[in-house]
N, C-alpha and C. Protein backbone atom coordinates (compact mmCIF):
# COMPACT_ATOMS: atom_id res chain seq x y z
N MET A 1 -5.46 7.84 -83.70
CA MET A 1 -5.13 9.21 -82.47
C MET A 1 -5.70 9.21 -81.34
N ASP A 2 -5.32 9.47 -80.02
CA ASP A 2 -6.61 9.24 -79.04
C ASP A 2 -5.93 10.33 -78.40
N GLY A 3 -5.25 11.54 -79.25
CA GLY A 3 -5.27 13.14 -78.99
C GLY A 3 -4.79 13.69 -77.63
N THR A 4 -3.66 11.99 -77.43
CA THR A 4 -2.10 12.89 -76.38
C THR A 4 -1.72 12.89 -76.88
N THR A 5 -1.20 12.24 -78.31
CA THR A 5 0.05 12.60 -77.94
C THR A 5 0.05 12.76 -79.98
N ASN A 6 0.78 13.08 -80.20
CA ASN A 6 0.82 13.64 -82.54
C ASN A 6 1.70 12.88 -82.68
N LYS A 7 2.15 12.74 -83.46
CA LYS A 7 3.43 12.38 -84.56
C LYS A 7 4.25 13.21 -84.70
N HIS A 8 4.67 14.71 -84.75
CA HIS A 8 4.48 15.70 -84.92
C HIS A 8 5.92 16.45 -83.38
N LYS A 9 5.44 15.48 -81.90
CA LYS A 9 5.88 15.80 -81.09
C LYS A 9 5.64 16.91 -80.26
N TRP A 10 4.24 17.47 -80.39
CA TRP A 10 3.63 18.43 -80.42
C TRP A 10 3.53 18.60 -78.86
N PRO A 11 3.17 19.43 -77.89
CA PRO A 11 2.52 19.29 -76.39
C PRO A 11 1.62 18.78 -76.38
N LYS A 12 1.57 17.87 -74.84
CA LYS A 12 -0.24 16.64 -75.62
C LYS A 12 -1.25 17.69 -75.43
N LYS A 13 -2.12 16.95 -75.58
CA LYS A 13 -3.77 17.28 -75.64
C LYS A 13 -3.43 18.27 -76.53
N VAL A 14 -2.44 18.84 -77.94
CA VAL A 14 -3.11 19.70 -78.47
C VAL A 14 -4.04 18.58 -80.26
N LEU A 15 -4.78 19.77 -80.81
CA LEU A 15 -5.53 19.34 -81.78
C LEU A 15 -4.30 18.98 -83.19
N GLU A 16 -3.67 17.54 -83.69
CA GLU A 16 -4.08 17.31 -84.67
C GLU A 16 -3.38 18.36 -85.62
N VAL A 17 -3.30 18.84 -86.06
CA VAL A 17 -2.84 19.68 -87.01
C VAL A 17 -2.55 19.41 -88.98
N PRO A 18 -3.21 18.94 -89.81
CA PRO A 18 -2.99 18.40 -90.68
C PRO A 18 -1.89 18.92 -91.95
N GLY A 19 -0.93 18.83 -91.96
CA GLY A 19 0.63 19.59 -92.04
C GLY A 19 2.35 19.18 -92.52
N VAL A 20 3.40 20.03 -92.16
CA VAL A 20 4.23 19.63 -92.98
C VAL A 20 5.57 20.44 -92.08
N PRO A 21 6.63 20.27 -90.37
CA PRO A 21 6.90 20.38 -89.74
C PRO A 21 8.67 21.39 -90.83
N TYR A 22 8.10 22.41 -90.67
CA TYR A 22 9.34 23.48 -91.08
C TYR A 22 9.78 24.49 -90.45
N GLN A 23 10.47 25.05 -91.11
CA GLN A 23 11.48 26.43 -90.77
C GLN A 23 11.04 26.99 -91.66
N VAL A 24 10.84 28.64 -91.43
CA VAL A 24 10.62 29.10 -91.89
C VAL A 24 11.38 31.16 -92.20
N ILE A 25 12.44 30.90 -93.28
CA ILE A 25 13.14 32.66 -93.06
C ILE A 25 12.38 33.80 -94.27
N LYS A 26 11.48 33.85 -94.18
CA LYS A 26 11.61 34.98 -95.02
C LYS A 26 12.66 36.10 -95.67
N LEU A 27 12.32 36.03 -97.02
CA LEU A 27 13.88 36.31 -97.62
C LEU A 27 13.50 37.73 -98.39
N ARG A 28 12.05 38.44 -98.48
CA ARG A 28 11.60 40.00 -98.43
C ARG A 28 11.64 40.81 -97.18
N ASP A 29 11.22 41.90 -97.06
CA ASP A 29 10.68 42.67 -96.01
C ASP A 29 9.19 43.82 -97.34
N LYS A 30 8.83 43.07 -96.93
CA LYS A 30 7.55 44.97 -97.68
C LYS A 30 8.52 44.72 -99.35
N GLY A 31 8.29 43.24 -99.56
CA GLY A 31 9.20 43.79 -101.51
C GLY A 31 10.25 44.19 -101.32
N ARG A 32 11.29 44.18 -100.40
CA ARG A 32 12.81 44.58 -100.51
C ARG A 32 13.11 43.20 -100.01
N LYS A 33 14.60 43.02 -101.12
CA LYS A 33 15.33 41.69 -100.53
C LYS A 33 15.56 41.86 -99.71
N ILE A 34 16.04 41.30 -98.14
CA ILE A 34 16.62 41.26 -97.18
C ILE A 34 18.04 41.60 -97.65
N THR A 35 19.50 41.37 -96.54
CA THR A 35 20.65 41.07 -96.91
C THR A 35 21.25 40.09 -96.10
N LYS A 36 22.33 39.75 -96.57
CA LYS A 36 22.98 38.34 -95.82
C LYS A 36 22.07 38.65 -94.02
N ARG A 37 23.42 39.50 -93.44
CA ARG A 37 23.33 39.74 -92.68
C ARG A 37 21.44 40.07 -92.34
N GLU A 38 20.69 40.56 -92.71
CA GLU A 38 19.16 40.04 -92.35
C GLU A 38 18.63 38.89 -92.23
N MET A 39 19.05 38.70 -93.08
CA MET A 39 18.77 36.99 -93.16
C MET A 39 19.54 36.27 -91.57
N ASP A 40 20.73 36.49 -92.00
CA ASP A 40 21.62 34.97 -90.94
C ASP A 40 20.76 35.89 -89.47
N ASP A 41 20.31 37.42 -89.11
CA ASP A 41 19.98 37.14 -88.46
C ASP A 41 18.11 37.19 -87.35
N PHE A 42 18.13 36.68 -88.56
CA PHE A 42 16.59 36.15 -88.64
C PHE A 42 16.41 34.78 -88.23
N VAL A 43 15.29 34.79 -86.52
CA VAL A 43 15.15 33.40 -86.70
C VAL A 43 14.21 32.77 -86.73
N PRO A 44 14.47 31.59 -87.26
CA PRO A 44 13.63 31.01 -88.00
C PRO A 44 12.05 31.24 -87.94
N LEU A 45 11.09 31.06 -88.21
CA LEU A 45 9.56 30.63 -87.57
C LEU A 45 9.62 29.34 -87.89
N LYS A 46 9.20 28.59 -86.42
CA LYS A 46 9.22 27.03 -86.72
C LYS A 46 7.31 26.70 -86.24
N GLY A 47 7.01 25.90 -87.24
CA GLY A 47 5.68 25.11 -87.78
C GLY A 47 5.19 24.21 -88.12
N LEU A 48 4.39 24.36 -88.53
CA LEU A 48 3.66 22.79 -89.60
C LEU A 48 2.96 23.61 -90.79
N LEU A 49 3.67 23.36 -91.62
CA LEU A 49 3.43 24.23 -93.33
C LEU A 49 1.90 23.89 -93.76
N THR A 50 1.18 24.28 -94.22
CA THR A 50 0.18 24.22 -95.43
C THR A 50 -0.07 25.05 -96.44
N VAL A 51 -1.03 23.96 -97.13
CA VAL A 51 -1.60 25.12 -98.22
C VAL A 51 -2.53 24.69 -98.58
N GLU A 52 -3.45 26.07 -98.40
CA GLU A 52 -4.80 25.34 -98.24
C GLU A 52 -5.13 26.46 -99.82
N ARG A 53 -6.88 25.90 -100.53
CA ARG A 53 -7.05 26.62 -100.94
C ARG A 53 -8.65 27.00 -101.33
N GLY A 54 -8.91 28.72 -100.58
CA GLY A 54 -10.37 29.48 -100.43
C GLY A 54 -10.86 30.10 -100.75
N GLY A 55 -11.23 30.85 -100.01
CA GLY A 55 -12.30 32.18 -101.40
C GLY A 55 -13.45 31.91 -101.22
N PHE A 56 -14.01 32.16 -102.29
CA PHE A 56 -15.38 32.97 -101.64
C PHE A 56 -16.44 32.81 -103.28
N GLY A 57 -17.39 31.98 -103.89
CA GLY A 57 -17.68 33.02 -104.98
C GLY A 57 -17.03 32.33 -105.91
N VAL A 58 -16.78 33.14 -107.33
CA VAL A 58 -15.65 32.35 -108.15
C VAL A 58 -14.11 33.18 -107.76
N ALA A 59 -13.86 34.40 -106.67
CA ALA A 59 -12.26 34.57 -106.43
C ALA A 59 -11.93 33.61 -105.42
N TYR A 60 -11.17 32.37 -106.53
CA TYR A 60 -10.28 30.96 -105.33
C TYR A 60 -9.33 31.17 -105.44
N HIS A 61 -8.52 31.64 -104.19
CA HIS A 61 -7.05 31.70 -103.90
C HIS A 61 -6.35 30.32 -103.52
N ARG A 62 -5.06 30.07 -103.28
CA ARG A 62 -4.27 29.77 -102.55
C ARG A 62 -3.88 30.40 -101.35
N ALA A 63 -3.41 29.67 -100.05
CA ALA A 63 -2.16 30.77 -99.18
C ALA A 63 -1.19 28.93 -99.04
N ALA A 64 -0.24 29.81 -98.21
CA ALA A 64 1.11 28.42 -97.78
C ALA A 64 0.19 29.28 -96.43
N THR A 65 0.37 28.75 -95.20
CA THR A 65 0.36 28.71 -93.95
C THR A 65 1.52 29.22 -93.28
N LEU A 66 2.02 29.05 -91.73
CA LEU A 66 2.42 28.48 -90.52
C LEU A 66 2.59 28.40 -89.55
N VAL A 67 1.07 27.04 -89.24
CA VAL A 67 0.41 27.17 -88.40
C VAL A 67 1.55 26.17 -86.50
N ARG A 68 0.66 26.53 -85.43
CA ARG A 68 1.39 25.90 -83.98
C ARG A 68 0.30 25.61 -83.84
N PRO A 69 -0.12 24.07 -83.62
CA PRO A 69 -0.99 23.23 -82.65
C PRO A 69 -1.03 23.93 -81.45
N SER A 70 -3.09 23.97 -80.50
CA SER A 70 -3.00 25.02 -79.37
C SER A 70 -4.30 24.30 -78.99
N HIS A 71 -3.88 23.86 -78.74
CA HIS A 71 -5.84 24.12 -77.71
C HIS A 71 -6.93 24.39 -77.80
N GLY A 72 -7.91 23.51 -79.39
CA GLY A 72 -8.89 24.52 -80.59
C GLY A 72 -7.64 24.62 -81.16
N MET A 73 -7.89 25.63 -81.46
CA MET A 73 -8.08 26.14 -83.47
C MET A 73 -6.20 25.79 -83.24
N PRO A 74 -5.61 25.73 -84.71
CA PRO A 74 -5.23 26.15 -84.79
C PRO A 74 -4.09 27.28 -84.73
N VAL A 75 -3.18 27.60 -84.09
CA VAL A 75 -2.70 29.63 -84.82
C VAL A 75 -1.99 29.42 -85.73
N ARG A 76 -1.70 30.49 -86.63
CA ARG A 76 -1.28 31.58 -87.58
C ARG A 76 0.12 31.58 -86.80
N ILE A 77 0.88 31.92 -87.11
CA ILE A 77 2.69 32.44 -87.17
C ILE A 77 3.46 33.02 -87.25
N SER A 78 2.66 32.94 -88.90
CA SER A 78 2.89 34.04 -90.26
C SER A 78 1.41 34.29 -91.18
N ASP A 79 2.19 35.49 -91.95
CA ASP A 79 1.37 36.50 -92.91
C ASP A 79 0.53 34.72 -93.78
N PRO A 80 -0.39 34.56 -94.30
CA PRO A 80 -0.52 33.58 -95.19
C PRO A 80 0.26 34.10 -96.22
N LEU A 81 1.27 33.35 -96.46
CA LEU A 81 1.66 33.70 -98.81
C LEU A 81 0.71 33.54 -99.04
N PHE A 82 0.14 34.73 -100.61
CA PHE A 82 -0.39 34.10 -101.09
C PHE A 82 -0.32 33.87 -102.86
N GLU A 83 -0.97 32.66 -103.13
CA GLU A 83 -0.47 32.44 -104.67
C GLU A 83 0.70 31.77 -104.29
N PRO A 84 2.01 30.51 -103.71
CA PRO A 84 2.77 30.53 -103.85
C PRO A 84 3.25 29.27 -104.32
N GLU A 85 4.36 29.13 -105.35
CA GLU A 85 4.43 29.24 -106.67
C GLU A 85 5.88 27.87 -106.51
N LEU A 86 6.26 27.06 -106.84
CA LEU A 86 7.48 26.56 -105.99
C LEU A 86 8.70 27.10 -107.18
N GLU A 87 9.77 27.81 -105.77
CA GLU A 87 11.41 28.35 -107.58
C GLU A 87 12.39 27.45 -107.32
N LEU A 88 12.43 26.83 -106.02
CA LEU A 88 13.11 25.29 -105.92
C LEU A 88 13.03 24.23 -105.49
N LEU A 89 13.71 23.73 -104.82
CA LEU A 89 13.18 22.01 -104.05
C LEU A 89 14.44 21.31 -104.76
N ASN A 90 15.17 21.01 -103.35
CA ASN A 90 16.16 20.61 -103.76
C ASN A 90 16.34 19.66 -102.41
N ALA A 91 17.60 18.77 -101.91
CA ALA A 91 17.83 17.99 -100.89
C ALA A 91 17.23 18.89 -98.78
N ASP A 92 17.38 20.34 -99.02
CA ASP A 92 18.18 21.07 -98.69
C ASP A 92 16.40 22.16 -98.27
N GLY A 93 15.82 22.23 -99.04
CA GLY A 93 14.50 22.20 -98.41
C GLY A 93 14.29 22.95 -100.03
N MET A 94 12.72 24.21 -99.63
CA MET A 94 12.47 24.88 -100.85
C MET A 94 11.99 26.34 -100.53
N ILE A 95 12.40 26.98 -101.85
CA ILE A 95 11.47 28.34 -101.89
C ILE A 95 10.64 28.45 -102.68
N LEU A 96 9.78 29.08 -101.71
CA LEU A 96 8.30 29.34 -102.22
C LEU A 96 8.18 31.32 -102.61
N ARG A 97 7.23 31.48 -103.55
CA ARG A 97 8.10 32.63 -103.74
C ARG A 97 6.24 33.13 -104.01
N GLY A 98 5.52 34.12 -103.75
CA GLY A 98 4.43 34.39 -103.59
C GLY A 98 3.94 36.41 -103.41
N HIS A 99 3.02 36.33 -102.29
CA HIS A 99 2.91 37.14 -101.86
C HIS A 99 2.01 37.93 -100.28
N GLU A 100 2.25 38.49 -99.85
CA GLU A 100 1.59 38.92 -98.61
C GLU A 100 0.46 40.92 -99.05
N ASN A 101 -0.09 39.98 -98.07
CA ASN A 101 -0.87 41.42 -97.86
C ASN A 101 -1.42 42.42 -96.95
N GLU A 102 -1.33 43.53 -97.50
CA GLU A 102 -0.74 44.27 -96.23
C GLU A 102 -3.03 45.53 -95.99
N MET A 103 -3.21 45.77 -95.97
CA MET A 103 -3.78 47.28 -94.95
C MET A 103 -2.52 48.85 -94.87
N VAL A 104 -2.56 49.29 -96.15
CA VAL A 104 -2.35 50.48 -95.65
C VAL A 104 -3.16 51.38 -96.27
N ASP A 105 -3.82 52.63 -95.35
CA ASP A 105 -3.96 53.66 -95.80
C ASP A 105 -5.53 53.28 -96.20
N GLY A 106 -6.33 52.26 -95.27
CA GLY A 106 -7.90 51.97 -96.14
C GLY A 106 -7.09 50.89 -97.08
N MET A 107 -5.85 50.56 -97.81
CA MET A 107 -6.05 50.06 -99.33
C MET A 107 -5.19 48.58 -98.95
N LEU A 108 -5.81 48.37 -100.43
CA LEU A 108 -5.21 46.20 -100.08
C LEU A 108 -3.47 46.75 -100.85
N VAL A 109 -2.60 46.84 -99.92
CA VAL A 109 -1.16 46.17 -101.24
C VAL A 109 -0.50 44.96 -100.93
N GLN A 110 0.61 44.56 -102.06
CA GLN A 110 0.30 43.69 -101.77
C GLN A 110 2.29 43.79 -101.64
N HIS A 111 3.23 42.66 -101.38
CA HIS A 111 4.64 42.95 -101.09
C HIS A 111 3.99 41.26 -102.02
N VAL A 112 5.13 41.12 -102.58
CA VAL A 112 6.26 40.44 -103.30
C VAL A 112 6.71 39.74 -101.80
N GLN A 113 6.47 38.53 -101.28
CA GLN A 113 7.93 37.45 -101.12
C GLN A 113 8.10 36.09 -100.84
N VAL A 114 9.71 36.02 -100.85
CA VAL A 114 9.73 34.61 -101.28
C VAL A 114 10.16 33.57 -99.56
N TRP A 115 9.65 32.65 -99.66
CA TRP A 115 10.45 32.05 -97.81
C TRP A 115 11.02 31.07 -97.97
N LEU A 116 12.43 31.63 -98.09
CA LEU A 116 13.42 29.68 -97.46
C LEU A 116 12.56 28.55 -96.42
N CYS A 117 12.26 27.26 -97.18
CA CYS A 117 11.56 26.92 -96.29
C CYS A 117 12.63 26.01 -96.02
N LYS A 118 13.01 24.60 -94.61
CA LYS A 118 13.26 23.92 -94.73
C LYS A 118 12.58 22.61 -93.50
N ALA A 119 12.93 21.06 -94.56
CA ALA A 119 11.91 20.62 -93.29
C ALA A 119 12.77 20.22 -92.47
N ILE A 120 12.10 20.17 -91.22
CA ILE A 120 12.92 20.01 -89.51
C ILE A 120 11.92 18.10 -89.45
N TRP A 121 13.11 18.01 -89.95
CA TRP A 121 13.11 15.79 -89.24
C TRP A 121 13.23 15.39 -87.73
N PRO A 122 12.44 14.72 -87.68
CA PRO A 122 11.98 14.86 -86.67
C PRO A 122 13.88 13.64 -85.96
N SER A 123 14.87 14.00 -85.15
CA SER A 123 15.74 12.83 -84.56
C SER A 123 16.10 11.69 -84.24
N ALA A 124 17.07 11.01 -84.46
CA ALA A 124 16.55 9.47 -84.54
C ALA A 124 16.16 9.23 -82.95
N ASP A 125 16.67 10.38 -81.55
CA ASP A 125 15.80 10.39 -79.94
C ASP A 125 14.67 10.19 -80.43
N THR A 126 13.42 11.20 -80.59
CA THR A 126 12.49 11.49 -80.90
C THR A 126 11.90 10.02 -81.67
N ALA A 127 12.55 9.19 -83.04
CA ALA A 127 11.70 8.70 -83.70
C ALA A 127 11.40 7.39 -83.37
N SER A 128 12.14 7.19 -82.17
CA SER A 128 12.62 5.81 -81.76
C SER A 128 11.42 5.42 -80.11
N ALA A 129 11.60 6.84 -79.65
CA ALA A 129 9.67 5.98 -78.14
C ALA A 129 8.95 6.42 -78.76
């Protein structure tokens, strides 16, 4: 690629970031299951879903992140989902379960989190362009 376009139809002149276009709805709030009404009111986060392995020494972890390409480095648009596990996969999307970290009074707290992930498929109009 010459850096002026990319397969995900992001604005021109952005860094190509590996990942799959997804929209994500978080099904928990600090470990608490959200209600159907809260889920319906939630605006899906849209970006590139990646799963990476990172850490240092013997302490490695996996993390799913949702990022949006920008000029230079990609911008994370959601807290990472650590140690994601695939709960469900079908034609409508997938459900990932893991945990999010939060600092509370100087202590690390882990909350169970579940992501409902739906792929963003290119429309017929953009696919032919």
